[in-house]
Amino acid sequence: MLIVLYIIMTILTIISWAGPLSILPYVGSLIYAWSLWYGKVKWIRLCNAIGNSPYLIYTLLTGNYALFIMTLLEVISAAVGFIRLDILGARKTKKREPRKTA
């Protein structure tokens, strides 16, 4: 099913081709679609930050500054969530010792 989605996205990218700049949102969509298909929340957060980075460049180069700000906030939010929950949170759970029951 993911391959079908990739094929559809590729066809739509070819149809709406507006030059090499069109590759940026396509790559971001591929990364994000894979993370949603994979289904682990950790990977969704990480790929959201990575996958939206091409959108940042695209919106900046096309002059869509409102969308640039919105995408930048989304990347920051995903990065903070990944660091806080997946990196620092993983360290905290490793440090916890199991409770002793009497």
N, C-alpha and C. Protein backbone atom coordinates (compact mmCIF):
# COMPACT_ATOMS: atom_id res chain seq x y z
N MET A 1 0.83 -1.20 0.00
CA MET A 1 0.00 0.00 0.00
C MET A 1 0.87 1.26 0.00
N LEU A 2 1.98 1.21 0.72
CA LEU A 2 2.87 2.38 0.74
C LEU A 2 3.46 2.64 -0.64
N ILE A 3 3.75 1.57 -1.37
CA ILE A 3 4.29 1.74 -2.72
C ILE A 3 3.25 2.41 -3.61
N VAL A 4 1.99 2.06 -3.45
CA VAL A 4 0.92 2.70 -4.24
C VAL A 4 0.87 4.19 -3.91
N LEU A 5 0.98 4.53 -2.65
CA LEU A 5 0.99 5.94 -2.25
C LEU A 5 2.19 6.67 -2.85
N TYR A 6 3.34 6.03 -2.83
CA TYR A 6 4.54 6.62 -3.44
C TYR A 6 4.36 6.83 -4.94
N ILE A 7 3.74 5.88 -5.61
CA ILE A 7 3.50 6.01 -7.04
C ILE A 7 2.56 7.17 -7.32
N ILE A 8 1.50 7.29 -6.53
CA ILE A 8 0.55 8.40 -6.70
C ILE A 8 1.24 9.74 -6.47
N MET A 9 2.06 9.82 -5.41
CA MET A 9 2.78 11.08 -5.15
C MET A 9 3.75 11.40 -6.28
N THR A 10 4.39 10.39 -6.83
CA THR A 10 5.31 10.61 -7.94
C THR A 10 4.58 11.12 -9.17
N ILE A 11 3.45 10.51 -9.48
CA ILE A 11 2.66 10.95 -10.64
C ILE A 11 2.18 12.39 -10.45
N LEU A 12 1.70 12.71 -9.26
CA LEU A 12 1.22 14.07 -9.00
C LEU A 12 2.36 15.08 -9.04
N THR A 13 3.54 14.68 -8.62
CA THR A 13 4.70 15.58 -8.70
C THR A 13 5.07 15.83 -10.15
N ILE A 14 5.03 14.79 -10.97
CA ILE A 14 5.33 14.95 -12.39
C ILE A 14 4.30 15.85 -13.08
N ILE A 15 3.02 15.65 -12.74
CA ILE A 15 1.95 16.45 -13.35
C ILE A 15 2.08 17.92 -12.97
N SER A 16 2.42 18.18 -11.71
CA SER A 16 2.49 19.57 -11.23
C SER A 16 3.91 20.13 -11.27
N TRP A 17 4.78 19.55 -12.05
CA TRP A 17 6.19 19.94 -12.12
C TRP A 17 6.32 21.42 -12.46
N ALA A 18 7.08 22.13 -11.64
CA ALA A 18 7.34 23.56 -11.87
C ALA A 18 8.83 23.83 -11.78
N GLY A 19 9.63 22.86 -12.12
CA GLY A 19 11.07 23.01 -12.06
C GLY A 19 11.66 22.19 -10.93
N PRO A 20 12.98 22.23 -10.81
CA PRO A 20 13.67 21.42 -9.79
C PRO A 20 13.22 21.71 -8.36
N LEU A 21 12.68 22.88 -8.13
CA LEU A 21 12.20 23.24 -6.80
C LEU A 21 11.04 22.34 -6.36
N SER A 22 10.35 21.75 -7.32
CA SER A 22 9.22 20.87 -7.00
C SER A 22 9.65 19.59 -6.30
N ILE A 23 10.91 19.27 -6.35
CA ILE A 23 11.41 18.05 -5.70
C ILE A 23 11.36 18.18 -4.18
N LEU A 24 11.52 19.38 -3.66
CA LEU A 24 11.59 19.57 -2.20
C LEU A 24 10.32 19.09 -1.48
N PRO A 25 9.12 19.55 -1.86
CA PRO A 25 7.94 19.04 -1.16
C PRO A 25 7.70 17.55 -1.40
N TYR A 26 8.12 17.08 -2.57
CA TYR A 26 7.99 15.65 -2.88
C TYR A 26 8.82 14.80 -1.92
N VAL A 27 10.06 15.18 -1.71
CA VAL A 27 10.94 14.44 -0.79
C VAL A 27 10.39 14.50 0.63
N GLY A 28 9.94 15.67 1.04
CA GLY A 28 9.37 15.80 2.38
C GLY A 28 8.15 14.91 2.57
N SER A 29 7.31 14.83 1.54
CA SER A 29 6.12 13.98 1.62
C SER A 29 6.48 12.50 1.68
N LEU A 30 7.50 12.11 0.92
CA LEU A 30 7.94 10.71 0.96
C LEU A 30 8.42 10.31 2.35
N ILE A 31 9.21 11.18 2.96
CA ILE A 31 9.75 10.89 4.29
C ILE A 31 8.62 10.80 5.31
N TYR A 32 7.71 11.77 5.27
CA TYR A 32 6.62 11.80 6.24
C TYR A 32 5.66 10.63 6.04
N ALA A 33 5.36 10.28 4.79
CA ALA A 33 4.47 9.14 4.52
C ALA A 33 5.09 7.85 5.05
N TRP A 34 6.39 7.69 4.87
CA TRP A 34 7.04 6.50 5.39
C TRP A 34 6.92 6.42 6.91
N SER A 35 7.11 7.56 7.58
CA SER A 35 7.05 7.54 9.04
C SER A 35 5.65 7.19 9.54
N LEU A 36 4.63 7.71 8.85
CA LEU A 36 3.27 7.37 9.26
C LEU A 36 2.96 5.90 8.99
N TRP A 37 3.50 5.38 7.91
CA TRP A 37 3.30 3.97 7.58
C TRP A 37 4.02 3.07 8.59
N TYR A 38 5.20 3.47 8.98
CA TYR A 38 6.00 2.70 9.93
C TYR A 38 5.27 2.64 11.28
N GLY A 39 4.69 3.76 11.68
CA GLY A 39 3.77 3.78 12.80
C GLY A 39 4.32 3.99 14.19
N LYS A 40 5.62 4.00 14.37
CA LYS A 40 6.15 4.23 15.71
C LYS A 40 6.21 5.74 15.96
N VAL A 41 5.71 6.15 17.11
CA VAL A 41 5.60 7.57 17.43
C VAL A 41 6.97 8.25 17.41
N LYS A 42 7.97 7.57 17.89
CA LYS A 42 9.32 8.13 17.89
C LYS A 42 9.76 8.48 16.47
N TRP A 43 9.51 7.58 15.53
CA TRP A 43 9.91 7.83 14.14
C TRP A 43 9.04 8.89 13.49
N ILE A 44 7.77 8.96 13.88
CA ILE A 44 6.89 10.00 13.33
C ILE A 44 7.40 11.37 13.74
N ARG A 45 7.77 11.52 15.00
CA ARG A 45 8.30 12.82 15.45
C ARG A 45 9.61 13.16 14.75
N LEU A 46 10.51 12.21 14.66
CA LEU A 46 11.80 12.45 14.01
C LEU A 46 11.62 12.77 12.53
N CYS A 47 10.83 11.98 11.84
CA CYS A 47 10.64 12.20 10.41
C CYS A 47 9.81 13.45 10.12
N ASN A 48 9.00 13.86 11.08
CA ASN A 48 8.27 15.12 10.91
C ASN A 48 9.27 16.27 10.88
N ALA A 49 10.23 16.24 11.77
CA ALA A 49 11.25 17.30 11.78
C ALA A 49 12.12 17.24 10.53
N ILE A 50 12.53 16.04 10.14
CA ILE A 50 13.37 15.89 8.95
C ILE A 50 12.59 16.14 7.67
N GLY A 51 11.39 15.58 7.59
CA GLY A 51 10.58 15.69 6.38
C GLY A 51 10.06 17.09 6.10
N ASN A 52 9.90 17.88 7.14
CA ASN A 52 9.43 19.26 6.93
C ASN A 52 10.57 20.21 6.58
N SER A 53 11.80 19.77 6.73
CA SER A 53 12.92 20.64 6.39
C SER A 53 12.96 21.02 4.91
N PRO A 54 12.68 20.10 3.97
CA PRO A 54 12.60 20.54 2.57
C PRO A 54 11.46 21.54 2.33
N TYR A 55 10.36 21.39 3.08
CA TYR A 55 9.27 22.35 2.96
C TYR A 55 9.72 23.74 3.40
N LEU A 56 10.55 23.79 4.44
CA LEU A 56 11.07 25.09 4.89
C LEU A 56 11.81 25.80 3.76
N ILE A 57 12.68 25.07 3.11
CA ILE A 57 13.44 25.66 2.00
C ILE A 57 12.50 26.06 0.88
N TYR A 58 11.55 25.19 0.55
CA TYR A 58 10.61 25.45 -0.54
C TYR A 58 9.77 26.70 -0.27
N THR A 59 9.21 26.80 0.93
CA THR A 59 8.36 27.95 1.24
C THR A 59 9.17 29.25 1.28
N LEU A 60 10.39 29.16 1.73
CA LEU A 60 11.24 30.35 1.76
C LEU A 60 11.58 30.80 0.34
N LEU A 61 11.95 29.86 -0.52
CA LEU A 61 12.33 30.21 -1.89
C LEU A 61 11.15 30.64 -2.74
N THR A 62 9.96 30.17 -2.42
CA THR A 62 8.77 30.58 -3.18
C THR A 62 8.12 31.83 -2.61
N GLY A 63 8.61 32.32 -1.50
CA GLY A 63 8.10 33.57 -0.92
C GLY A 63 6.83 33.41 -0.11
N ASN A 64 6.49 32.21 0.29
CA ASN A 64 5.31 31.98 1.10
C ASN A 64 5.73 32.04 2.58
N TYR A 65 5.86 33.25 3.07
CA TYR A 65 6.44 33.45 4.40
C TYR A 65 5.54 33.00 5.54
N ALA A 66 4.22 33.11 5.34
CA ALA A 66 3.31 32.64 6.39
C ALA A 66 3.44 31.13 6.57
N LEU A 67 3.49 30.40 5.46
CA LEU A 67 3.66 28.96 5.55
C LEU A 67 5.05 28.60 6.07
N PHE A 68 6.04 29.43 5.75
CA PHE A 68 7.39 29.20 6.27
C PHE A 68 7.38 29.25 7.79
N ILE A 69 6.73 30.26 8.35
CA ILE A 69 6.67 30.40 9.82
C ILE A 69 5.92 29.22 10.43
N MET A 70 4.81 28.82 9.80
CA MET A 70 4.03 27.71 10.32
C MET A 70 4.85 26.40 10.27
N THR A 71 5.54 26.17 9.17
CA THR A 71 6.35 24.96 9.04
C THR A 71 7.53 24.98 10.00
N LEU A 72 8.12 26.15 10.19
CA LEU A 72 9.22 26.28 11.13
C LEU A 72 8.76 25.94 12.55
N LEU A 73 7.58 26.41 12.93
CA LEU A 73 7.04 26.07 14.25
C LEU A 73 6.76 24.58 14.37
N GLU A 74 6.32 23.97 13.28
CA GLU A 74 6.06 22.53 13.30
C GLU A 74 7.37 21.73 13.45
N VAL A 75 8.42 22.18 12.77
CA VAL A 75 9.72 21.51 12.89
C VAL A 75 10.27 21.66 14.30
N ILE A 76 10.16 22.86 14.85
CA ILE A 76 10.63 23.10 16.21
C ILE A 76 9.85 22.24 17.20
N SER A 77 8.54 22.19 17.03
CA SER A 77 7.70 21.39 17.92
C SER A 77 8.06 19.90 17.85
N ALA A 78 8.26 19.40 16.64
CA ALA A 78 8.63 17.98 16.48
C ALA A 78 10.01 17.72 17.08
N ALA A 79 10.94 18.64 16.88
CA ALA A 79 12.29 18.45 17.41
C ALA A 79 12.28 18.48 18.94
N VAL A 80 11.53 19.42 19.52
CA VAL A 80 11.44 19.50 20.98
C VAL A 80 10.78 18.23 21.53
N GLY A 81 9.72 17.77 20.89
CA GLY A 81 9.07 16.55 21.32
C GLY A 81 9.98 15.35 21.23
N PHE A 82 10.75 15.27 20.15
CA PHE A 82 11.68 14.15 19.99
C PHE A 82 12.76 14.17 21.07
N ILE A 83 13.33 15.35 21.31
CA ILE A 83 14.38 15.46 22.33
C ILE A 83 13.82 15.19 23.72
N ARG A 84 12.70 15.83 24.02
CA ARG A 84 12.14 15.72 25.37
C ARG A 84 11.61 14.32 25.68
N LEU A 85 10.87 13.74 24.74
CA LEU A 85 10.22 12.46 25.02
C LEU A 85 11.06 11.25 24.64
N ASP A 86 11.78 11.35 23.54
CA ASP A 86 12.47 10.17 23.04
C ASP A 86 13.92 10.08 23.47
N ILE A 87 14.59 11.20 23.63
CA ILE A 87 15.98 11.16 24.05
C ILE A 87 16.08 11.31 25.57
N LEU A 88 15.59 12.42 26.09
CA LEU A 88 15.68 12.64 27.54
C LEU A 88 14.74 11.72 28.30
N GLY A 89 13.55 11.47 27.75
CA GLY A 89 12.60 10.57 28.40
C GLY A 89 13.11 9.14 28.46
N ALA A 90 13.82 8.72 27.42
CA ALA A 90 14.39 7.37 27.41
C ALA A 90 15.47 7.23 28.48
N ARG A 91 16.23 8.29 28.69
CA ARG A 91 17.26 8.25 29.73
C ARG A 91 16.64 8.15 31.11
N LYS A 92 15.54 8.89 31.32
CA LYS A 92 14.90 8.87 32.64
C LYS A 92 14.31 7.50 32.95
N THR A 93 13.72 6.86 31.94
CA THR A 93 13.13 5.55 32.21
C THR A 93 14.20 4.50 32.46
N LYS A 94 15.38 4.66 31.90
CA LYS A 94 16.47 3.72 32.15
C LYS A 94 17.01 3.87 33.56
N LYS A 95 16.98 5.10 34.09
CA LYS A 95 17.52 5.36 35.41
C LYS A 95 16.59 4.91 36.53
N ARG A 96 15.32 4.79 36.23
CA ARG A 96 14.37 4.39 37.27
C ARG A 96 14.63 2.96 37.70
N GLU A 97 14.53 2.77 38.98
CA GLU A 97 14.68 1.40 39.50
C GLU A 97 13.29 0.88 39.82
N PRO A 98 13.08 -0.41 39.68
CA PRO A 98 11.76 -0.94 39.99
C PRO A 98 11.44 -0.81 41.48
N ARG A 99 10.18 -0.60 41.75
CA ARG A 99 9.76 -0.49 43.14
C ARG A 99 9.87 -1.83 43.85
N LYS A 100 10.28 -1.75 45.09
CA LYS A 100 10.36 -2.98 45.89
C LYS A 100 9.07 -3.12 46.66
N THR A 101 8.51 -4.29 46.56
CA THR A 101 7.28 -4.55 47.29
C THR A 101 7.60 -5.40 48.53
N ALA A 102 6.88 -5.13 49.57
CA ALA A 102 7.16 -5.83 50.83
C ALA A 102 6.56 -7.19 50.87
